[in-house]
Amino acid sequence: MKSHMFSVGSRVRVVSYSPYRGIRGTVRTIHNIPPLEEPFWFYQIELEGTHMQEPVWFPSEEVELLSPFENSSLEHV
């Protein structure tokens, strides 16, 4: 499976089974671990709707990119 790196400013949703599941946020920093077999990234995400003052780090498999359509429809609700 190939993974794709998101860019800084990308809108994402946390999909891991954690207290942050389903929360949306914005990628603020990216850290790449040199690949052994596949590329691997950590994303520092500024979470929305939480009392977290600092962005939180998530491994790449714990976040998914929000589609442009989903972003715009959520903002207009």
Protein backbone atom coordinates (compact mmCIF):
# COMPACT_ATOMS: atom_id res chain seq x y z
CA MET A 1 0.00 0.00 0.00
CA LYS A 2 1.41 3.39 -0.96
CA SER A 3 0.97 6.27 1.44
CA HIS A 4 0.66 9.89 0.42
CA MET A 5 2.02 12.79 2.41
CA PHE A 6 -0.39 15.60 3.25
CA SER A 7 0.88 19.17 3.04
CA VAL A 8 1.04 21.80 5.77
CA GLY A 9 -2.38 23.46 5.95
CA SER A 10 -4.27 20.31 4.90
CA ARG A 11 -7.57 19.71 6.64
CA VAL A 12 -7.72 16.25 8.25
CA ARG A 13 -9.86 14.11 10.55
CA VAL A 14 -8.49 11.83 13.29
CA VAL A 15 -9.50 8.21 12.57
CA SER A 16 -7.59 6.38 15.31
CA TYR A 17 -9.36 4.71 18.22
CA SER A 18 -8.46 7.41 20.74
CA PRO A 19 -10.21 10.21 22.62
CA TYR A 20 -9.56 12.39 19.54
CA ARG A 21 -11.43 10.13 17.09
CA GLY A 22 -13.57 12.13 14.67
CA ILE A 23 -12.05 15.49 15.56
CA ARG A 24 -11.00 17.65 12.64
CA GLY A 25 -7.92 19.79 12.46
CA THR A 26 -5.21 21.40 10.36
CA VAL A 27 -1.72 20.04 9.67
CA ARG A 28 0.85 22.47 11.13
CA THR A 29 4.12 20.47 10.93
CA ILE A 30 5.26 17.28 9.21
CA HIS A 31 8.05 14.93 10.32
CA ASN A 32 9.24 12.20 7.93
CA ILE A 33 10.94 9.01 9.11
CA PRO A 34 13.30 7.67 6.42
CA PRO A 35 11.64 4.63 4.85
CA LEU A 36 12.70 1.10 5.63
CA GLU A 37 10.04 -0.34 3.33
CA GLU A 38 7.40 2.39 3.03
CA PRO A 39 7.46 6.12 3.79
CA PHE A 40 6.12 7.09 7.22
CA TRP A 41 5.07 10.53 8.46
CA PHE A 42 4.01 12.14 11.72
CA TYR A 43 1.69 15.12 11.54
CA GLN A 44 1.36 17.83 14.15
CA ILE A 45 -2.34 18.69 14.05
CA GLU A 46 -4.03 21.78 15.46
CA LEU A 47 -7.30 20.26 16.67
CA GLU A 48 -10.65 22.08 16.48
CA GLY A 49 -13.20 22.16 19.27
CA THR A 50 -10.83 21.07 22.03
CA HIS A 51 -9.15 22.85 24.91
CA MET A 52 -5.72 21.72 23.66
CA GLN A 53 -3.46 24.78 23.49
CA GLU A 54 -0.70 23.01 21.56
CA PRO A 55 -0.97 20.93 18.37
CA VAL A 56 -0.89 17.14 18.87
CA TRP A 57 1.31 14.64 16.96
CA PHE A 58 -0.36 11.76 15.09
CA PRO A 59 1.18 9.03 12.90
CA SER A 60 0.05 9.07 9.28
CA GLU A 61 -2.29 6.08 9.63
CA GLU A 62 -4.30 7.85 12.34
CA VAL A 63 -5.49 10.76 10.17
CA GLU A 64 -7.33 11.06 6.87
CA LEU A 65 -7.58 13.95 4.46
CA LEU A 66 -10.92 15.75 4.36
CA SER A 67 -12.24 16.23 0.85
CA PRO A 68 -12.78 19.79 -0.39
CA PHE A 69 -16.52 19.01 -0.70
CA GLU A 70 -16.71 17.77 2.89
CA ASN A 71 -14.85 20.86 4.17
CA SER A 72 -17.19 23.30 2.45
CA SER A 73 -20.36 21.45 3.43
CA LEU A 74 -19.30 21.32 7.08
CA GLU A 75 -18.56 25.03 7.20
CA HIS A 76 -22.01 25.95 5.87
CA VAL A 77 -24.05 23.82 8.28
